[in-house]
Amino acid sequence: MTATALRKELQGYIATMPEQNLNALKPLLLVLSQPPYTIEPASPSERKRIDRRVKEYRENPASFVPLE
């Protein structure tokens, strides 16, 4: 089933739902409609730490342990 078809089917369910169920469904739909996370720009202090670590890595790459 395509996303478009699924949306249409779900909208049909919502259109026929009793009002009390709509009130119960609203908080769930609100949560599900939000992106799972937000990426914010680094703060000035975070930026300084990042720059310092990049400089340390460039000066001595062997001192870093890979994530693997």
N, C-alpha and C. Protein backbone atom coordinates (compact mmCIF):
# COMPACT_ATOMS: atom_id res chain seq x y z
N MET A 1 0.85 -1.18 0.00
CA MET A 1 0.00 0.00 0.00
C MET A 1 0.89 1.24 0.00
N THR A 2 0.59 2.16 -0.87
CA THR A 2 1.38 3.39 -0.94
C THR A 2 1.02 4.30 0.23
N ALA A 3 1.89 5.24 0.50
CA ALA A 3 1.64 6.21 1.57
C ALA A 3 0.38 7.02 1.27
N THR A 4 0.18 7.36 0.01
CA THR A 4 -1.01 8.13 -0.37
C THR A 4 -2.28 7.34 -0.09
N ALA A 5 -2.29 6.07 -0.46
CA ALA A 5 -3.46 5.23 -0.21
C ALA A 5 -3.71 5.04 1.28
N LEU A 6 -2.63 4.85 2.02
CA LEU A 6 -2.76 4.68 3.47
C LEU A 6 -3.30 5.94 4.13
N ARG A 7 -2.81 7.11 3.71
CA ARG A 7 -3.33 8.38 4.25
C ARG A 7 -4.82 8.52 3.97
N LYS A 8 -5.21 8.17 2.76
CA LYS A 8 -6.62 8.27 2.39
C LYS A 8 -7.47 7.33 3.25
N GLU A 9 -6.98 6.11 3.47
CA GLU A 9 -7.70 5.14 4.30
C GLU A 9 -7.83 5.65 5.74
N LEU A 10 -6.74 6.16 6.29
CA LEU A 10 -6.78 6.68 7.66
C LEU A 10 -7.70 7.89 7.78
N GLN A 11 -7.69 8.76 6.77
CA GLN A 11 -8.59 9.91 6.77
C GLN A 11 -10.05 9.45 6.76
N GLY A 12 -10.33 8.36 6.07
CA GLY A 12 -11.67 7.80 6.07
C GLY A 12 -12.09 7.33 7.44
N TYR A 13 -11.18 6.68 8.15
CA TYR A 13 -11.48 6.25 9.52
C TYR A 13 -11.78 7.46 10.41
N ILE A 14 -10.95 8.49 10.28
CA ILE A 14 -11.13 9.69 11.10
C ILE A 14 -12.45 10.37 10.77
N ALA A 15 -12.82 10.40 9.50
CA ALA A 15 -14.05 11.06 9.08
C ALA A 15 -15.29 10.40 9.68
N THR A 16 -15.22 9.10 9.95
CA THR A 16 -16.39 8.39 10.47
C THR A 16 -16.35 8.14 11.98
N MET A 17 -15.31 8.61 12.63
CA MET A 17 -15.12 8.38 14.05
C MET A 17 -16.05 9.24 14.90
N PRO A 18 -16.58 8.67 16.00
CA PRO A 18 -17.37 9.50 16.92
C PRO A 18 -16.49 10.61 17.53
N GLU A 19 -17.12 11.71 17.89
CA GLU A 19 -16.39 12.88 18.41
C GLU A 19 -15.53 12.55 19.62
N GLN A 20 -16.03 11.73 20.53
CA GLN A 20 -15.25 11.41 21.74
C GLN A 20 -13.95 10.69 21.38
N ASN A 21 -13.98 9.88 20.32
CA ASN A 21 -12.75 9.21 19.89
C ASN A 21 -11.77 10.19 19.26
N LEU A 22 -12.30 11.20 18.57
CA LEU A 22 -11.43 12.22 17.99
C LEU A 22 -10.63 12.92 19.07
N ASN A 23 -11.30 13.24 20.18
CA ASN A 23 -10.60 13.90 21.29
C ASN A 23 -9.51 13.01 21.87
N ALA A 24 -9.73 11.71 21.89
CA ALA A 24 -8.72 10.78 22.40
C ALA A 24 -7.58 10.61 21.40
N LEU A 25 -7.89 10.70 20.12
CA LEU A 25 -6.89 10.48 19.07
C LEU A 25 -5.98 11.68 18.86
N LYS A 26 -6.47 12.87 19.14
CA LYS A 26 -5.71 14.10 18.86
C LYS A 26 -4.31 14.11 19.48
N PRO A 27 -4.13 13.79 20.79
CA PRO A 27 -2.76 13.83 21.35
C PRO A 27 -1.80 12.85 20.64
N LEU A 28 -2.30 11.69 20.27
CA LEU A 28 -1.45 10.72 19.58
C LEU A 28 -1.02 11.24 18.22
N LEU A 29 -1.96 11.79 17.47
CA LEU A 29 -1.63 12.33 16.15
C LEU A 29 -0.67 13.50 16.25
N LEU A 30 -0.83 14.31 17.29
CA LEU A 30 0.07 15.43 17.49
C LEU A 30 1.50 14.95 17.69
N VAL A 31 1.67 13.94 18.52
CA VAL A 31 3.01 13.38 18.79
C VAL A 31 3.58 12.76 17.51
N LEU A 32 2.77 11.99 16.81
CA LEU A 32 3.24 11.30 15.61
C LEU A 32 3.56 12.25 14.46
N SER A 33 2.98 13.44 14.46
CA SER A 33 3.21 14.38 13.37
C SER A 33 4.50 15.18 13.54
N GLN A 34 5.13 15.12 14.73
CA GLN A 34 6.36 15.85 14.98
C GLN A 34 7.56 15.05 14.48
N PRO A 35 8.60 15.73 14.02
CA PRO A 35 9.81 15.00 13.63
C PRO A 35 10.41 14.30 14.85
N PRO A 36 11.10 13.19 14.65
CA PRO A 36 11.62 12.43 15.80
C PRO A 36 12.69 13.17 16.61
N TYR A 37 13.36 14.11 16.01
CA TYR A 37 14.36 14.89 16.74
C TYR A 37 14.64 16.18 15.98
N THR A 38 15.29 17.09 16.67
CA THR A 38 15.66 18.35 16.05
C THR A 38 17.15 18.55 16.24
N ILE A 39 17.83 18.89 15.18
CA ILE A 39 19.26 19.18 15.26
C ILE A 39 19.42 20.69 15.37
N GLU A 40 20.02 21.12 16.47
CA GLU A 40 20.23 22.55 16.70
C GLU A 40 21.70 22.89 16.46
N PRO A 41 21.98 24.11 16.09
CA PRO A 41 23.38 24.51 15.93
C PRO A 41 24.13 24.41 17.26
N ALA A 42 25.41 24.15 17.18
CA ALA A 42 26.24 24.07 18.38
C ALA A 42 26.32 25.45 19.05
N SER A 43 26.33 25.43 20.38
CA SER A 43 26.48 26.67 21.12
C SER A 43 27.92 27.16 20.99
N PRO A 44 28.19 28.40 21.35
CA PRO A 44 29.59 28.89 21.28
C PRO A 44 30.56 28.03 22.09
N SER A 45 30.17 27.59 23.28
CA SER A 45 31.08 26.76 24.09
C SER A 45 31.26 25.39 23.45
N GLU A 46 30.20 24.82 22.87
CA GLU A 46 30.35 23.54 22.18
C GLU A 46 31.24 23.69 20.96
N ARG A 47 31.08 24.78 20.25
CA ARG A 47 31.91 25.04 19.07
C ARG A 47 33.39 25.11 19.44
N LYS A 48 33.69 25.77 20.57
CA LYS A 48 35.08 25.87 21.03
C LYS A 48 35.65 24.49 21.34
N ARG A 49 34.84 23.64 22.02
CA ARG A 49 35.31 22.29 22.34
C ARG A 49 35.55 21.48 21.07
N ILE A 50 34.65 21.61 20.10
CA ILE A 50 34.81 20.90 18.84
C ILE A 50 36.09 21.35 18.13
N ASP A 51 36.28 22.65 18.05
CA ASP A 51 37.48 23.19 17.39
C ASP A 51 38.75 22.71 18.08
N ARG A 52 38.73 22.68 19.42
CA ARG A 52 39.90 22.24 20.17
C ARG A 52 40.20 20.76 19.88
N ARG A 53 39.15 19.92 19.85
CA ARG A 53 39.36 18.50 19.59
C ARG A 53 39.83 18.26 18.15
N VAL A 54 39.31 19.01 17.20
CA VAL A 54 39.75 18.88 15.81
C VAL A 54 41.23 19.25 15.70
N LYS A 55 41.62 20.31 16.39
CA LYS A 55 43.03 20.73 16.38
C LYS A 55 43.91 19.64 16.99
N GLU A 56 43.46 19.06 18.12
CA GLU A 56 44.23 17.99 18.76
C GLU A 56 44.37 16.79 17.81
N TYR A 57 43.30 16.46 17.12
CA TYR A 57 43.34 15.33 16.20
C TYR A 57 44.31 15.59 15.05
N ARG A 58 44.26 16.79 14.51
CA ARG A 58 45.15 17.12 13.38
C ARG A 58 46.61 17.10 13.81
N GLU A 59 46.88 17.49 15.05
CA GLU A 59 48.26 17.50 15.53
C GLU A 59 48.76 16.09 15.83
N ASN A 60 47.87 15.18 16.27
CA ASN A 60 48.30 13.84 16.62
C ASN A 60 47.16 12.84 16.41
N PRO A 61 46.89 12.43 15.17
CA PRO A 61 45.78 11.50 14.90
C PRO A 61 45.91 10.17 15.62
N ALA A 62 47.13 9.73 15.91
CA ALA A 62 47.33 8.44 16.57
C ALA A 62 46.83 8.44 18.00
N SER A 63 46.63 9.60 18.59
CA SER A 63 46.17 9.64 19.99
C SER A 63 44.67 9.38 20.12
N PHE A 64 43.94 9.31 19.00
CA PHE A 64 42.50 9.08 19.04
C PHE A 64 42.18 7.62 18.82
N VAL A 65 41.17 7.13 19.52
CA VAL A 65 40.73 5.74 19.39
C VAL A 65 39.50 5.71 18.47
N PRO A 66 39.51 4.91 17.41
CA PRO A 66 38.34 4.86 16.53
C PRO A 66 37.13 4.26 17.26
N LEU A 67 35.94 4.61 16.81
CA LEU A 67 34.72 4.11 17.43
C LEU A 67 34.58 2.59 17.28
N GLU A 68 35.21 2.05 16.26
CA GLU A 68 35.14 0.60 16.04
C GLU A 68 35.83 -0.09 17.18
